[in-house]
Amino acid sequence: MSTLTLARIYEKQGHLADALQIYREHLRKNPEDRELRAAVLRLKRINTKALKYFMEMHSEAQFLKFEKWLAKSWN
């Protein structure tokens, strides 16, 4: 079993799929935990939007906008 500490480390390092998997495991066991629910929603949102932005980038300006968005999403 993976710990929430590991999930937070994965998230900070950008390993979002791994972090999301751990958060989901813990949420299944603790469905009322608001912090876990928020973490799952945050990472699902980042994964979906990040992929969309990444696929649509065609210029350096778009890349910089994407980079700023990621920084804001993780803080």
C-alpha atoms as a PDB file:
ATOM      1  CA  MET A   1       0.000   0.000   0.000  1.00  0.00           C
ATOM      2  CA  SER A   2       1.235   3.453  -0.873  1.00  0.00           C
ATOM      3  CA  THR A   3       1.111   6.316   1.574  1.00  0.00           C
ATOM      4  CA  LEU A   4      -0.355   9.780   1.245  1.00  0.00           C
ATOM      5  CA  THR A   5       3.136  11.159   1.748  1.00  0.00           C
ATOM      6  CA  LEU A   6       4.270   9.275  -1.352  1.00  0.00           C
ATOM      7  CA  ALA A   7       1.254  10.600  -3.264  1.00  0.00           C
ATOM      8  CA  ARG A   8       2.176  14.170  -2.299  1.00  0.00           C
ATOM      9  CA  ILE A   9       5.776  13.605  -3.364  1.00  0.00           C
ATOM     10  CA  TYR A  10       4.636  12.168  -6.694  1.00  0.00           C
ATOM     11  CA  GLU A  11       2.346  15.142  -7.205  1.00  0.00           C
ATOM     12  CA  LYS A  12       5.095  17.670  -6.475  1.00  0.00           C
ATOM     13  CA  GLN A  13       7.458  15.846  -8.840  1.00  0.00           C
ATOM     14  CA  GLY A  14       4.855  15.866 -11.613  1.00  0.00           C
ATOM     15  CA  HIS A  15       4.048  12.143 -11.514  1.00  0.00           C
ATOM     16  CA  LEU A  16       0.351  12.939 -11.537  1.00  0.00           C
ATOM     17  CA  ALA A  17      -0.977   9.556 -12.655  1.00  0.00           C
ATOM     18  CA  ASP A  18       0.895   7.802  -9.840  1.00  0.00           C
ATOM     19  CA  ALA A  19      -0.290  10.341  -7.278  1.00  0.00           C
ATOM     20  CA  LEU A  20      -3.863  10.095  -8.527  1.00  0.00           C
ATOM     21  CA  GLN A  21      -3.816   6.316  -8.223  1.00  0.00           C
ATOM     22  CA  ILE A  22      -2.702   6.508  -4.580  1.00  0.00           C
ATOM     23  CA  TYR A  23      -5.239   9.214  -3.720  1.00  0.00           C
ATOM     24  CA  ARG A  24      -8.004   7.108  -5.287  1.00  0.00           C
ATOM     25  CA  GLU A  25      -6.944   4.035  -3.262  1.00  0.00           C
ATOM     26  CA  HIS A  26      -7.172   6.037  -0.056  1.00  0.00           C
ATOM     27  CA  LEU A  27     -10.441   7.683  -1.067  1.00  0.00           C
ATOM     28  CA  ARG A  28     -12.057   4.258  -1.597  1.00  0.00           C
ATOM     29  CA  LYS A  29     -11.195   3.444   2.009  1.00  0.00           C
ATOM     30  CA  ASN A  30     -12.161   6.899   3.328  1.00  0.00           C
ATOM     31  CA  PRO A  31     -14.947   8.199   1.063  1.00  0.00           C
ATOM     32  CA  GLU A  32     -15.841  11.052   3.425  1.00  0.00           C
ATOM     33  CA  ASP A  33     -12.326  12.532   3.451  1.00  0.00           C
ATOM     34  CA  ARG A  34     -12.648  15.981   1.872  1.00  0.00           C
ATOM     35  CA  GLU A  35      -8.902  16.440   1.434  1.00  0.00           C
ATOM     36  CA  LEU A  36      -8.620  13.204  -0.530  1.00  0.00           C
ATOM     37  CA  ARG A  37     -11.652  14.070  -2.649  1.00  0.00           C
ATOM     38  CA  ALA A  38     -10.145  17.492  -3.409  1.00  0.00           C
ATOM     39  CA  ALA A  39      -6.815  15.907  -4.369  1.00  0.00           C
ATOM     40  CA  VAL A  40      -8.504  13.486  -6.780  1.00  0.00           C
ATOM     41  CA  LEU A  41     -10.545  16.271  -8.372  1.00  0.00           C
ATOM     42  CA  ARG A  42      -7.498  18.540  -8.629  1.00  0.00           C
ATOM     43  CA  LEU A  43      -5.392  15.909 -10.360  1.00  0.00           C
ATOM     44  CA  LYS A  44      -8.185  14.822 -12.686  1.00  0.00           C
ATOM     45  CA  ARG A  45      -8.628  18.465 -13.696  1.00  0.00           C
ATOM     46  CA  ILE A  46      -4.893  18.969 -14.216  1.00  0.00           C
ATOM     47  CA  ASN A  47      -4.546  15.781 -16.273  1.00  0.00           C
ATOM     48  CA  THR A  48      -7.489  16.639 -18.535  1.00  0.00           C
ATOM     49  CA  LYS A  49      -6.668  20.306 -19.057  1.00  0.00           C
ATOM     50  CA  ALA A  50      -2.920  19.729 -19.316  1.00  0.00           C
ATOM     51  CA  LEU A  51      -3.372  17.201 -22.100  1.00  0.00           C
ATOM     52  CA  LYS A  52      -5.738  19.517 -23.984  1.00  0.00           C
ATOM     53  CA  TYR A  53      -3.376  22.493 -23.674  1.00  0.00           C
ATOM     54  CA  PHE A  54      -0.348  20.411 -24.571  1.00  0.00           C
ATOM     55  CA  MET A  55      -1.957  19.007 -27.721  1.00  0.00           C
ATOM     56  CA  GLU A  56      -2.973  22.484 -28.894  1.00  0.00           C
ATOM     57  CA  MET A  57       0.385  24.232 -28.402  1.00  0.00           C
ATOM     58  CA  HIS A  58       1.952  25.635 -31.565  1.00  0.00           C
ATOM     59  CA  SER A  59       4.096  28.504 -30.359  1.00  0.00           C
ATOM     60  CA  GLU A  60       6.463  29.552 -27.604  1.00  0.00           C
ATOM     61  CA  ALA A  61       3.835  31.981 -26.299  1.00  0.00           C
ATOM     62  CA  GLN A  62       1.383  29.111 -25.875  1.00  0.00           C
ATOM     63  CA  PHE A  63       4.042  27.063 -24.097  1.00  0.00           C
ATOM     64  CA  LEU A  64       4.710  29.925 -21.663  1.00  0.00           C
ATOM     65  CA  LYS A  65       0.979  30.282 -21.012  1.00  0.00           C
ATOM     66  CA  PHE A  66       0.789  26.524 -20.376  1.00  0.00           C
ATOM     67  CA  GLU A  67       3.766  26.680 -18.028  1.00  0.00           C
ATOM     68  CA  LYS A  68       2.128  29.475 -16.009  1.00  0.00           C
ATOM     69  CA  TRP A  69      -1.134  27.546 -15.864  1.00  0.00           C
ATOM     70  CA  LEU A  70       0.652  24.457 -14.527  1.00  0.00           C
ATOM     71  CA  ALA A  71       2.460  26.474 -11.876  1.00  0.00           C
ATOM     72  CA  LYS A  72      -0.821  28.041 -10.766  1.00  0.00           C
ATOM     73  CA  SER A  73      -2.592  24.650 -10.707  1.00  0.00           C
ATOM     74  CA  TRP A  74       0.013  23.078  -8.433  1.00  0.00           C
ATOM     75  CA  ASN A  75      -0.009  25.911  -5.904  1.00  0.00           C
END
